[in-house]
Amino acid sequence: MKWFDNTALTLVIVGAINWLLIGIFQFDIVAFLFGELSFLSRAVYTIIGLCGLYLISLYGRIKDI
């Protein structure tokens, strides 16, 4: 399951960088690559959002050091 955690975390980081680009430069890289609200861009947004929801479970799985 560690590979899934790493994949989800990577996708959420990509999503965060996309939001940074939107906020600073008003440039949406997902829309640029896949089209403005095309099926593919909506699928990318959905997958990134689901990964973000999945990563909420990390709070319960992080062990105190």
N, C-alpha and C. Protein backbone atom coordinates (compact mmCIF):
# COMPACT_ATOMS: atom_id res chain seq x y z
N MET A 1 0.82 -1.19 0.00
CA MET A 1 0.00 0.00 0.00
C MET A 1 0.86 1.26 0.00
N LYS A 2 2.16 1.10 0.30
CA LYS A 2 3.03 2.26 0.33
C LYS A 2 3.13 2.93 -1.04
N TRP A 3 3.11 2.15 -2.12
CA TRP A 3 3.18 2.72 -3.46
C TRP A 3 1.96 3.59 -3.73
N PHE A 4 0.80 3.17 -3.22
CA PHE A 4 -0.42 3.95 -3.42
C PHE A 4 -0.35 5.26 -2.64
N ASP A 5 0.19 5.20 -1.42
CA ASP A 5 0.37 6.42 -0.63
C ASP A 5 1.30 7.39 -1.36
N ASN A 6 2.40 6.88 -1.87
CA ASN A 6 3.35 7.73 -2.59
C ASN A 6 2.75 8.32 -3.86
N THR A 7 1.99 7.51 -4.59
CA THR A 7 1.33 7.99 -5.80
C THR A 7 0.31 9.06 -5.47
N ALA A 8 -0.51 8.81 -4.45
CA ALA A 8 -1.51 9.78 -4.05
C ALA A 8 -0.86 11.08 -3.59
N LEU A 9 0.20 10.97 -2.81
CA LEU A 9 0.90 12.17 -2.34
C LEU A 9 1.49 12.95 -3.51
N THR A 10 2.07 12.26 -4.48
CA THR A 10 2.62 12.92 -5.66
C THR A 10 1.55 13.67 -6.43
N LEU A 11 0.40 13.04 -6.63
CA LEU A 11 -0.69 13.69 -7.36
C LEU A 11 -1.22 14.91 -6.60
N VAL A 12 -1.31 14.82 -5.29
CA VAL A 12 -1.78 15.96 -4.51
C VAL A 12 -0.76 17.10 -4.57
N ILE A 13 0.51 16.77 -4.58
CA ILE A 13 1.54 17.81 -4.72
C ILE A 13 1.44 18.47 -6.09
N VAL A 14 1.22 17.69 -7.13
CA VAL A 14 1.01 18.25 -8.47
C VAL A 14 -0.20 19.18 -8.46
N GLY A 15 -1.27 18.76 -7.80
CA GLY A 15 -2.46 19.61 -7.69
C GLY A 15 -2.17 20.90 -6.94
N ALA A 16 -1.37 20.82 -5.89
CA ALA A 16 -1.02 22.02 -5.13
C ALA A 16 -0.17 22.96 -5.98
N ILE A 17 0.75 22.42 -6.76
CA ILE A 17 1.56 23.26 -7.66
C ILE A 17 0.67 23.91 -8.71
N ASN A 18 -0.32 23.18 -9.20
CA ASN A 18 -1.26 23.74 -10.16
C ASN A 18 -2.01 24.92 -9.54
N TRP A 19 -2.46 24.77 -8.29
CA TRP A 19 -3.14 25.88 -7.62
C TRP A 19 -2.21 27.05 -7.40
N LEU A 20 -0.95 26.79 -7.12
CA LEU A 20 0.04 27.86 -6.98
C LEU A 20 0.17 28.63 -8.29
N LEU A 21 0.26 27.91 -9.40
CA LEU A 21 0.35 28.56 -10.71
C LEU A 21 -0.90 29.37 -11.03
N ILE A 22 -2.07 28.85 -10.66
CA ILE A 22 -3.31 29.59 -10.87
C ILE A 22 -3.31 30.86 -10.04
N GLY A 23 -2.90 30.74 -8.79
CA GLY A 23 -2.93 31.89 -7.90
C GLY A 23 -1.95 32.98 -8.27
N ILE A 24 -0.76 32.60 -8.71
CA ILE A 24 0.26 33.60 -9.00
C ILE A 24 0.19 34.09 -10.44
N PHE A 25 0.07 33.16 -11.38
CA PHE A 25 0.17 33.51 -12.79
C PHE A 25 -1.14 33.38 -13.57
N GLN A 26 -2.21 32.95 -12.91
CA GLN A 26 -3.49 32.68 -13.56
C GLN A 26 -3.31 31.70 -14.73
N PHE A 27 -2.48 30.68 -14.49
CA PHE A 27 -2.19 29.66 -15.50
C PHE A 27 -2.56 28.30 -14.95
N ASP A 28 -3.54 27.66 -15.56
CA ASP A 28 -4.00 26.34 -15.15
C ASP A 28 -3.34 25.31 -16.06
N ILE A 29 -2.34 24.60 -15.52
CA ILE A 29 -1.57 23.67 -16.35
C ILE A 29 -2.42 22.47 -16.79
N VAL A 30 -3.37 22.05 -15.97
CA VAL A 30 -4.23 20.91 -16.35
C VAL A 30 -5.10 21.31 -17.54
N ALA A 31 -5.69 22.49 -17.47
CA ALA A 31 -6.51 22.97 -18.60
C ALA A 31 -5.65 23.18 -19.84
N PHE A 32 -4.42 23.65 -19.65
CA PHE A 32 -3.50 23.85 -20.77
C PHE A 32 -3.18 22.53 -21.45
N LEU A 33 -2.93 21.49 -20.66
CA LEU A 33 -2.54 20.19 -21.22
C LEU A 33 -3.70 19.40 -21.78
N PHE A 34 -4.86 19.45 -21.10
CA PHE A 34 -5.96 18.56 -21.45
C PHE A 34 -7.21 19.26 -21.96
N GLY A 35 -7.22 20.58 -21.98
CA GLY A 35 -8.39 21.32 -22.45
C GLY A 35 -9.22 21.84 -21.29
N GLU A 36 -9.87 22.96 -21.54
CA GLU A 36 -10.69 23.62 -20.52
C GLU A 36 -11.93 22.79 -20.22
N LEU A 37 -11.96 22.18 -19.05
CA LEU A 37 -13.05 21.33 -18.56
C LEU A 37 -13.46 20.25 -19.56
N SER A 38 -12.47 19.69 -20.26
CA SER A 38 -12.73 18.53 -21.10
C SER A 38 -12.93 17.31 -20.19
N PHE A 39 -13.34 16.22 -20.78
CA PHE A 39 -13.53 15.00 -19.98
C PHE A 39 -12.23 14.61 -19.30
N LEU A 40 -11.12 14.70 -20.02
CA LEU A 40 -9.83 14.30 -19.47
C LEU A 40 -9.38 15.21 -18.33
N SER A 41 -9.56 16.51 -18.49
CA SER A 41 -9.15 17.42 -17.41
C SER A 41 -10.04 17.24 -16.18
N ARG A 42 -11.32 16.98 -16.39
CA ARG A 42 -12.22 16.71 -15.26
C ARG A 42 -11.82 15.42 -14.57
N ALA A 43 -11.37 14.42 -15.33
CA ALA A 43 -10.91 13.17 -14.73
C ALA A 43 -9.66 13.41 -13.89
N VAL A 44 -8.74 14.24 -14.39
CA VAL A 44 -7.52 14.56 -13.64
C VAL A 44 -7.89 15.27 -12.34
N TYR A 45 -8.76 16.27 -12.42
CA TYR A 45 -9.19 16.98 -11.21
C TYR A 45 -9.85 16.03 -10.21
N THR A 46 -10.67 15.11 -10.71
CA THR A 46 -11.36 14.15 -9.85
C THR A 46 -10.37 13.21 -9.17
N ILE A 47 -9.40 12.70 -9.92
CA ILE A 47 -8.41 11.79 -9.35
C ILE A 47 -7.58 12.50 -8.28
N ILE A 48 -7.16 13.72 -8.56
CA ILE A 48 -6.38 14.48 -7.58
C ILE A 48 -7.22 14.74 -6.32
N GLY A 49 -8.49 15.09 -6.49
CA GLY A 49 -9.37 15.31 -5.35
C GLY A 49 -9.57 14.05 -4.53
N LEU A 50 -9.76 12.92 -5.19
CA LEU A 50 -9.91 11.66 -4.47
C LEU A 50 -8.64 11.28 -3.72
N CYS A 51 -7.50 11.56 -4.33
CA CYS A 51 -6.23 11.30 -3.64
C CYS A 51 -6.11 12.17 -2.40
N GLY A 52 -6.54 13.42 -2.50
CA GLY A 52 -6.54 14.29 -1.33
C GLY A 52 -7.42 13.77 -0.22
N LEU A 53 -8.60 13.28 -0.58
CA LEU A 53 -9.49 12.70 0.44
C LEU A 53 -8.88 11.44 1.04
N TYR A 54 -8.24 10.62 0.22
CA TYR A 54 -7.59 9.42 0.72
C TYR A 54 -6.48 9.77 1.71
N LEU A 55 -5.72 10.82 1.42
CA LEU A 55 -4.59 11.18 2.28
C LEU A 55 -5.04 11.69 3.65
N ILE A 56 -6.30 12.00 3.81
CA ILE A 56 -6.80 12.34 5.14
C ILE A 56 -6.56 11.17 6.09
N SER A 57 -6.58 9.95 5.54
CA SER A 57 -6.36 8.76 6.37
C SER A 57 -4.94 8.71 6.95
N LEU A 58 -4.02 9.49 6.39
CA LEU A 58 -2.67 9.50 6.93
C LEU A 58 -2.65 9.99 8.38
N TYR A 59 -3.57 10.87 8.73
CA TYR A 59 -3.62 11.36 10.11
C TYR A 59 -3.78 10.23 11.10
N GLY A 60 -4.53 9.21 10.75
CA GLY A 60 -4.72 8.07 11.63
C GLY A 60 -3.59 7.06 11.56
N ARG A 61 -2.79 7.12 10.50
CA ARG A 61 -1.74 6.13 10.32
C ARG A 61 -0.36 6.64 10.70
N ILE A 62 -0.21 7.93 10.92
CA ILE A 62 1.09 8.48 11.32
C ILE A 62 1.35 8.12 12.78
N LYS A 63 2.47 7.50 13.02
CA LYS A 63 2.81 7.11 14.38
C LYS A 63 3.66 8.20 15.01
N ASP A 64 3.47 8.40 16.31
CA ASP A 64 4.28 9.38 17.03
C ASP A 64 5.72 8.91 17.08
N ILE A 65 6.63 9.83 16.89
CA ILE A 65 8.06 9.49 16.89
C ILE A 65 8.61 9.67 18.30
